[in-house]
N, C-alpha and C. Protein backbone atom coordinates (compact mmCIF):
# COMPACT_ATOMS: atom_id res chain seq x y z
N UNK A 1 1.35 -1.04 0.05
CA UNK A 1 -0.34 -0.02 -0.43
C UNK A 1 0.91 0.90 -0.23
N UNK A 2 0.21 2.25 -0.38
CA UNK A 2 1.33 3.60 -0.25
C UNK A 2 0.13 4.78 -0.82
N UNK A 3 1.48 5.14 0.49
CA UNK A 3 0.26 7.00 0.95
C UNK A 3 0.26 7.99 -0.27
N UNK A 4 -0.53 9.16 -0.04
CA UNK A 4 -0.21 9.31 -1.18
C UNK A 4 1.05 10.24 -1.42
N UNK A 5 1.99 10.26 -0.41
CA UNK A 5 2.92 11.17 0.21
C UNK A 5 4.27 9.43 -0.56
N UNK A 6 4.17 9.14 -0.19
CA UNK A 6 4.70 8.36 -1.34
C UNK A 6 4.51 7.93 -2.48
N UNK A 7 3.63 7.39 -2.57
CA UNK A 7 3.27 7.55 -4.02
C UNK A 7 3.29 9.07 -5.06
N UNK A 8 3.71 10.04 -4.45
CA UNK A 8 3.99 11.14 -4.88
C UNK A 8 5.18 11.00 -5.15
N UNK A 9 5.96 10.94 -3.96
CA UNK A 9 7.72 10.91 -4.10
C UNK A 9 7.96 9.62 -5.80
N UNK A 10 7.89 8.12 -5.26
CA UNK A 10 7.84 7.76 -6.58
C UNK A 10 8.06 8.43 -7.14
N UNK A 11 6.63 9.53 -8.24
CA UNK A 11 6.80 9.74 -9.34
C UNK A 11 7.71 10.92 -9.96
N UNK A 12 7.96 11.32 -8.59
CA UNK A 12 8.64 12.42 -8.36
C UNK A 12 7.51 13.79 -8.86
N UNK A 13 6.65 14.08 -8.21
CA UNK A 13 5.63 14.36 -8.24
C UNK A 13 5.27 15.64 -7.15
N UNK A 14 4.80 16.40 -6.12
CA UNK A 14 3.94 16.91 -5.41
C UNK A 14 2.64 16.04 -4.95
N UNK A 15 3.00 16.04 -3.74
CA UNK A 15 1.50 15.98 -2.64
C UNK A 15 0.31 16.11 -3.41
N UNK A 16 0.56 17.69 -3.39
CA UNK A 16 -1.00 18.52 -3.77
C UNK A 16 -0.89 18.20 -5.09
N UNK A 17 -0.01 17.23 -6.08
CA UNK A 17 -0.50 17.24 -7.65
C UNK A 17 -0.90 16.26 -7.68
N UNK A 18 -0.52 15.22 -6.58
CA UNK A 18 -1.78 14.45 -6.69
C UNK A 18 -2.61 14.06 -6.42
N UNK A 19 -2.87 14.72 -5.36
CA UNK A 19 -5.03 15.20 -4.84
C UNK A 19 -5.01 15.57 -6.23
N UNK A 20 -4.48 16.82 -6.97
CA UNK A 20 -5.45 17.22 -7.90
C UNK A 20 -4.75 16.55 -9.15
N UNK A 21 -4.68 15.41 -9.33
CA UNK A 21 -4.57 13.87 -9.86
C UNK A 21 -6.35 13.62 -9.23
N UNK A 22 -6.05 13.70 -8.14
CA UNK A 22 -7.41 12.52 -7.84
C UNK A 22 -8.75 13.35 -8.24
N UNK A 23 -8.47 14.88 -7.31
CA UNK A 23 -9.78 15.68 -7.51
C UNK A 23 -10.59 15.44 -9.21
N UNK A 24 -9.71 15.54 -9.84
CA UNK A 24 -9.76 15.63 -11.37
C UNK A 24 -10.18 14.13 -12.01
N UNK A 25 -9.93 13.16 -11.46
CA UNK A 25 -10.39 11.62 -11.34
C UNK A 25 -9.24 11.04 -13.07
N UNK A 26 -7.81 11.69 -12.33
CA UNK A 26 -7.30 10.94 -13.07
C UNK A 26 -6.39 9.85 -12.30
N UNK A 27 -5.93 9.87 -11.47
CA UNK A 27 -5.43 9.35 -10.48
C UNK A 27 -5.83 9.24 -9.22
N UNK A 28 -7.31 8.22 -9.24
CA UNK A 28 -7.99 7.71 -7.90
C UNK A 28 -7.07 6.94 -7.21
N UNK A 29 -7.03 6.95 -5.54
CA UNK A 29 -6.90 5.54 -4.68
C UNK A 29 -8.28 4.73 -5.16
N UNK A 30 -7.53 3.42 -4.79
CA UNK A 30 -9.05 2.44 -4.87
C UNK A 30 -8.95 2.38 -3.28
N UNK A 31 -8.98 2.68 -1.97
CA UNK A 31 -8.92 2.88 -0.77
C UNK A 31 -9.12 3.88 0.13
N UNK A 32 -9.11 3.71 1.73
CA UNK A 32 -9.13 4.80 2.28
C UNK A 32 -8.76 4.04 3.28
N UNK A 33 -7.73 4.23 4.28
CA UNK A 33 -6.97 3.52 5.51
C UNK A 33 -8.07 3.28 6.94
N UNK A 34 -7.72 3.07 8.22
CA UNK A 34 -8.91 3.43 8.36
C UNK A 34 -9.40 5.17 9.51
N UNK A 35 -8.01 5.47 9.21
CA UNK A 35 -8.24 6.72 9.43
C UNK A 35 -8.41 7.69 8.07
N UNK A 36 -9.46 7.33 7.68
CA UNK A 36 -9.35 7.77 6.16
C UNK A 36 -8.71 8.68 5.45
N UNK A 37 -7.42 8.12 5.34
CA UNK A 37 -6.09 8.82 4.49
C UNK A 37 -5.85 7.90 2.87
N UNK A 38 -6.22 8.30 1.72
CA UNK A 38 -6.17 7.66 0.47
C UNK A 38 -4.93 6.65 0.95
N UNK A 39 -5.25 5.28 -0.04
CA UNK A 39 -4.16 4.01 0.07
C UNK A 39 -4.66 3.67 -1.35
N UNK A 40 -3.21 3.64 -2.08
CA UNK A 40 -3.16 3.24 -3.14
C UNK A 40 -2.64 2.11 -3.72
N UNK A 41 -3.03 0.98 -4.19
CA UNK A 41 -2.07 -0.71 -4.56
C UNK A 41 -1.23 -0.93 -5.52
N UNK A 42 -0.22 -2.05 -5.86
CA UNK A 42 0.26 -1.88 -7.28
C UNK A 42 -0.62 -1.20 -8.71
N UNK A 43 -1.55 -1.30 -8.10
CA UNK A 43 -2.67 -1.71 -9.81
C UNK A 43 -2.42 0.35 -9.82
N UNK A 44 -3.19 0.87 -8.56
CA UNK A 44 -2.97 2.18 -8.99
C UNK A 44 -1.63 3.11 -9.48
N UNK A 45 -1.08 2.60 -8.66
CA UNK A 45 0.57 2.65 -9.09
C UNK A 45 0.48 2.95 -10.46
N UNK A 46 0.44 2.15 -11.12
CA UNK A 46 0.54 1.11 -12.67
C UNK A 46 0.23 2.38 -13.08
N UNK A 47 -1.22 2.53 -13.38
CA UNK A 47 -2.62 3.91 -13.26
C UNK A 47 -2.12 4.81 -13.76
N UNK A 48 -1.31 5.20 -12.06
CA UNK A 48 -0.74 6.53 -12.15
C UNK A 48 0.33 6.84 -13.02
N UNK A 49 0.98 5.76 -12.94
CA UNK A 49 2.41 6.24 -13.78
C UNK A 49 2.19 6.06 -15.26
N UNK A 50 1.21 5.80 -15.72
CA UNK A 50 1.07 5.81 -17.41
C UNK A 50 0.03 7.84 -17.93
N UNK A 51 -0.73 8.22 -16.53
CA UNK A 51 -0.72 9.51 -16.22
C UNK A 51 0.75 10.21 -16.28
N UNK A 52 1.43 9.89 -15.40
CA UNK A 52 3.22 11.03 -15.01
C UNK A 52 4.04 10.27 -16.00
N UNK A 53 4.03 9.29 -16.46
CA UNK A 53 5.48 8.82 -17.17
C UNK A 53 6.25 9.68 -18.41
N UNK A 54 5.64 10.66 -18.88
CA UNK A 54 6.58 12.13 -19.52
C UNK A 54 6.44 13.14 -18.89
N UNK A 55 7.36 13.46 -18.63
CA UNK A 55 7.60 14.53 -17.73
C UNK A 55 8.52 14.84 -17.92
N UNK A 56 8.82 15.12 -19.38
CA UNK A 56 10.56 15.39 -19.53
C UNK A 56 10.45 16.99 -19.95
N UNK A 57 11.49 18.01 -19.83
CA UNK A 57 10.89 19.47 -20.68
C UNK A 57 10.34 19.35 -21.79
N UNK A 58 9.42 20.28 -22.70
CA UNK A 58 9.25 19.49 -24.03
C UNK A 58 10.25 20.19 -25.11
N UNK A 59 10.96 20.01 -24.72
CA UNK A 59 12.52 20.61 -25.15
C UNK A 59 13.32 19.49 -25.56
N UNK A 60 13.60 18.97 -24.85
CA UNK A 60 13.97 16.55 -24.27
C UNK A 60 13.40 15.98 -25.35
N UNK A 61 12.20 16.11 -25.29
CA UNK A 61 11.53 15.28 -25.45
C UNK A 61 12.04 14.09 -27.40
N UNK A 62 12.78 14.58 -28.19
CA UNK A 62 13.04 14.62 -29.12
C UNK A 62 14.64 14.92 -29.60
N UNK A 63 14.73 15.57 -28.44
CA UNK A 63 16.60 15.23 -28.58
C UNK A 63 17.17 13.73 -28.71
N UNK A 64 17.97 14.23 -29.53
CA UNK A 64 18.92 12.50 -28.77
C UNK A 64 20.87 13.55 -28.96
C-alpha cells in the first residue's frame, strides 16, 4: 500500500499534484485507511504511471 506522499515521491511529484489528479479523476486511490487516508495499491500505481510517465521538458523529448 502507498500513501499519497509515498506515491507522489515515487513519481517525483508533489503531494498536492497527486491530490489534484485525484480531484479530476486522473489518478484515484482504490481505498481509504481506518484514519480515512487515501491508499494506493500496485494496480493504482501502474495506472498513475501512465498519467505521469512523460515528465521531461518539451525541448528534451525529441533531442538525442
